[in-house]
Amino acid sequence: MCHEQGPFIYESGVFKPEGPVDFPEATRGIAHIREVAASHEGKPRRKALEFLRRIGESGVFNSGGRKLTRDEMHENG
């Protein structure tokens, strides 16, 4: 008997279905895995985090805004 189920994500050594599955509990079987194109979901986030990490390591950040004077940076109120 062959049942085709929906997509899953393999994470931390576990296959996690992206939706409900229609198998009775404790069903055993053999899976034929076909890798699909990677989701773009995590890519922008990963790229942004990498960019922020590089900024942090370089110690340089240019917001494009007006540069404050020394007195403006050290105002007390």
N, C-alpha and C. Protein backbone atom coordinates (compact mmCIF):
# COMPACT_ATOMS: atom_id res chain seq x y z
N MET A 1 0.85 -1.17 0.00
CA MET A 1 0.00 0.00 0.00
C MET A 1 0.89 1.24 0.00
N CYS A 2 0.59 2.23 -0.82
CA CYS A 2 1.41 3.43 -0.93
C CYS A 2 0.58 4.66 -0.62
N HIS A 3 1.05 5.44 0.33
CA HIS A 3 0.39 6.70 0.68
C HIS A 3 1.38 7.83 0.46
N GLU A 4 0.97 8.85 -0.27
CA GLU A 4 1.84 10.01 -0.41
C GLU A 4 1.35 11.08 0.54
N GLN A 5 2.25 11.54 1.39
CA GLN A 5 1.93 12.57 2.36
C GLN A 5 2.57 13.87 1.94
N GLY A 6 2.30 14.94 2.64
CA GLY A 6 2.82 16.25 2.30
C GLY A 6 4.28 16.44 2.68
N PRO A 7 4.77 17.65 2.48
CA PRO A 7 6.17 17.95 2.75
C PRO A 7 6.51 17.91 4.23
N PHE A 8 7.78 17.79 4.50
CA PHE A 8 8.26 17.78 5.88
C PHE A 8 9.57 18.55 5.94
N ILE A 9 10.01 18.83 7.14
CA ILE A 9 11.31 19.44 7.37
C ILE A 9 12.11 18.48 8.23
N TYR A 10 13.36 18.25 7.86
CA TYR A 10 14.25 17.41 8.65
C TYR A 10 15.05 18.34 9.54
N GLU A 11 14.88 18.21 10.85
CA GLU A 11 15.50 19.13 11.79
C GLU A 11 15.89 18.39 13.06
N SER A 12 17.11 18.55 13.47
CA SER A 12 17.61 17.92 14.71
C SER A 12 17.39 16.42 14.71
N GLY A 13 17.57 15.80 13.55
CA GLY A 13 17.45 14.35 13.47
C GLY A 13 16.03 13.82 13.41
N VAL A 14 15.05 14.72 13.21
CA VAL A 14 13.64 14.30 13.22
C VAL A 14 12.95 14.82 11.96
N PHE A 15 12.12 14.00 11.33
CA PHE A 15 11.30 14.44 10.21
C PHE A 15 10.02 15.05 10.78
N LYS A 16 9.80 16.32 10.51
CA LYS A 16 8.63 17.03 11.05
C LYS A 16 7.70 17.40 9.90
N PRO A 17 6.49 16.81 9.86
CA PRO A 17 5.57 17.13 8.77
C PRO A 17 5.12 18.59 8.86
N GLU A 18 4.90 19.22 7.69
CA GLU A 18 4.44 20.59 7.67
C GLU A 18 2.92 20.69 7.77
N GLY A 19 2.26 19.58 7.82
CA GLY A 19 0.80 19.56 7.94
C GLY A 19 0.38 18.25 8.56
N PRO A 20 -0.92 18.04 8.65
CA PRO A 20 -1.41 16.79 9.26
C PRO A 20 -1.05 15.58 8.40
N VAL A 21 -0.86 14.46 9.06
CA VAL A 21 -0.59 13.20 8.36
C VAL A 21 -1.76 12.25 8.60
N ASP A 22 -1.97 11.37 7.64
CA ASP A 22 -3.12 10.46 7.70
C ASP A 22 -2.64 9.02 7.88
N PHE A 23 -1.92 8.79 8.97
CA PHE A 23 -1.44 7.45 9.30
C PHE A 23 -1.91 7.10 10.71
N PRO A 24 -2.27 5.84 10.94
CA PRO A 24 -2.57 5.43 12.31
C PRO A 24 -1.30 5.49 13.15
N GLU A 25 -1.45 5.70 14.43
CA GLU A 25 -0.31 5.75 15.36
C GLU A 25 0.53 4.48 15.23
N ALA A 26 1.84 4.63 15.29
CA ALA A 26 2.82 3.54 15.24
C ALA A 26 2.92 2.88 13.86
N THR A 27 2.43 3.55 12.81
CA THR A 27 2.56 3.02 11.45
C THR A 27 4.03 2.96 11.08
N ARG A 28 4.44 1.85 10.48
CA ARG A 28 5.82 1.69 10.00
C ARG A 28 5.79 1.70 8.48
N GLY A 29 6.88 2.17 7.89
CA GLY A 29 6.93 2.21 6.44
C GLY A 29 8.30 2.61 5.96
N ILE A 30 8.43 2.77 4.68
CA ILE A 30 9.68 3.21 4.06
C ILE A 30 9.38 4.51 3.33
N ALA A 31 10.22 5.49 3.55
CA ALA A 31 10.03 6.78 2.89
C ALA A 31 10.98 6.91 1.70
N HIS A 32 10.48 7.45 0.63
CA HIS A 32 11.29 7.78 -0.53
C HIS A 32 11.44 9.31 -0.50
N ILE A 33 12.64 9.77 -0.16
CA ILE A 33 12.87 11.19 0.06
C ILE A 33 13.26 11.87 -1.25
N ARG A 34 12.61 12.98 -1.54
CA ARG A 34 12.96 13.80 -2.69
C ARG A 34 13.13 15.23 -2.17
N GLU A 35 14.34 15.74 -2.26
CA GLU A 35 14.62 17.08 -1.77
C GLU A 35 13.95 18.10 -2.68
N VAL A 36 13.30 19.07 -2.06
CA VAL A 36 12.67 20.14 -2.83
C VAL A 36 13.50 21.40 -2.70
N ALA A 37 13.27 22.35 -3.59
CA ALA A 37 14.02 23.61 -3.53
C ALA A 37 13.88 24.20 -2.14
N ALA A 38 14.98 24.70 -1.62
CA ALA A 38 14.98 25.28 -0.28
C ALA A 38 14.00 26.44 -0.20
N SER A 39 13.32 26.51 0.91
CA SER A 39 12.40 27.61 1.14
C SER A 39 13.17 28.91 1.28
N HIS A 40 12.60 29.98 0.77
CA HIS A 40 13.23 31.28 0.91
C HIS A 40 12.89 31.91 2.25
N GLU A 41 12.08 31.22 3.03
CA GLU A 41 11.62 31.73 4.32
C GLU A 41 12.77 32.15 5.22
N GLY A 42 13.76 31.29 5.40
CA GLY A 42 14.82 31.58 6.34
C GLY A 42 15.98 32.37 5.75
N LYS A 43 16.08 32.42 4.41
CA LYS A 43 17.25 33.04 3.78
C LYS A 43 17.38 34.53 4.09
N PRO A 44 16.34 35.34 3.90
CA PRO A 44 16.53 36.77 4.22
C PRO A 44 16.89 36.99 5.68
N ARG A 45 16.29 36.23 6.56
CA ARG A 45 16.58 36.37 7.99
C ARG A 45 18.04 36.00 8.28
N ARG A 46 18.48 34.89 7.69
CA ARG A 46 19.85 34.44 7.87
C ARG A 46 20.84 35.47 7.34
N LYS A 47 20.53 36.02 6.14
CA LYS A 47 21.41 37.04 5.55
C LYS A 47 21.45 38.28 6.43
N ALA A 48 20.29 38.69 6.95
CA ALA A 48 20.24 39.88 7.81
C ALA A 48 21.04 39.66 9.09
N LEU A 49 20.90 38.49 9.69
CA LEU A 49 21.65 38.20 10.91
C LEU A 49 23.15 38.18 10.65
N GLU A 50 23.55 37.62 9.51
CA GLU A 50 24.97 37.61 9.15
C GLU A 50 25.49 39.03 8.95
N PHE A 51 24.69 39.87 8.28
CA PHE A 51 25.06 41.27 8.07
C PHE A 51 25.23 42.00 9.40
N LEU A 52 24.28 41.81 10.31
CA LEU A 52 24.37 42.44 11.63
C LEU A 52 25.58 41.94 12.42
N ARG A 53 25.88 40.66 12.30
CA ARG A 53 27.04 40.11 12.99
C ARG A 53 28.32 40.78 12.48
N ARG A 54 28.41 40.94 11.14
CA ARG A 54 29.60 41.59 10.56
C ARG A 54 29.72 43.05 11.02
N ILE A 55 28.61 43.76 11.10
CA ILE A 55 28.64 45.14 11.59
C ILE A 55 29.16 45.17 13.02
N GLY A 56 28.63 44.27 13.85
CA GLY A 56 29.07 44.21 15.24
C GLY A 56 30.55 43.92 15.38
N GLU A 57 31.04 43.04 14.55
CA GLU A 57 32.47 42.70 14.61
C GLU A 57 33.36 43.84 14.12
N SER A 58 32.86 44.60 13.14
CA SER A 58 33.68 45.68 12.58
C SER A 58 33.68 46.92 13.47
N GLY A 59 32.63 47.08 14.27
CA GLY A 59 32.53 48.27 15.12
C GLY A 59 32.17 49.51 14.34
N VAL A 60 31.78 49.37 13.07
CA VAL A 60 31.45 50.52 12.22
C VAL A 60 29.99 50.41 11.80
N PHE A 61 29.24 51.49 12.01
CA PHE A 61 27.85 51.50 11.58
C PHE A 61 27.50 52.89 11.09
N ASN A 62 27.05 53.01 9.87
CA ASN A 62 26.66 54.29 9.30
C ASN A 62 25.17 54.23 9.01
N SER A 63 24.37 54.94 9.80
CA SER A 63 22.92 54.91 9.63
C SER A 63 22.47 55.80 8.48
N GLY A 64 23.38 56.65 7.99
CA GLY A 64 23.00 57.57 6.92
C GLY A 64 22.38 58.84 7.47
N GLY A 65 22.21 58.90 8.77
CA GLY A 65 21.61 60.09 9.40
C GLY A 65 22.66 61.16 9.68
N ARG A 66 22.19 62.26 10.26
CA ARG A 66 23.06 63.38 10.60
C ARG A 66 24.00 62.96 11.71
N LYS A 67 25.26 63.36 11.59
CA LYS A 67 26.25 63.04 12.63
C LYS A 67 26.08 64.03 13.78
N LEU A 68 26.04 63.52 14.98
CA LEU A 68 25.89 64.37 16.17
C LEU A 68 27.24 64.99 16.54
N THR A 69 27.17 66.18 17.09
CA THR A 69 28.39 66.81 17.58
C THR A 69 28.75 66.15 18.91
N ARG A 70 29.94 66.39 19.38
CA ARG A 70 30.39 65.85 20.67
C ARG A 70 29.46 66.32 21.78
N ASP A 71 29.12 67.61 21.77
CA ASP A 71 28.22 68.15 22.80
C ASP A 71 26.84 67.50 22.76
N GLU A 72 26.31 67.26 21.57
CA GLU A 72 25.01 66.62 21.45
C GLU A 72 25.05 65.18 21.99
N MET A 73 26.15 64.48 21.76
CA MET A 73 26.28 63.11 22.25
C MET A 73 26.39 63.06 23.76
N HIS A 74 26.89 64.12 24.37
CA HIS A 74 27.14 64.10 25.81
C HIS A 74 26.18 64.99 26.59
N GLU A 75 25.05 65.39 25.98
CA GLU A 75 24.05 66.19 26.69
C GLU A 75 23.45 65.38 27.81
N ASN A 76 23.07 66.07 28.87
CA ASN A 76 22.43 65.40 30.01
C ASN A 76 20.97 65.78 30.13
N GLY A 77 20.25 65.74 29.09
CA GLY A 77 18.85 66.00 29.27
C GLY A 77 18.27 66.85 28.26
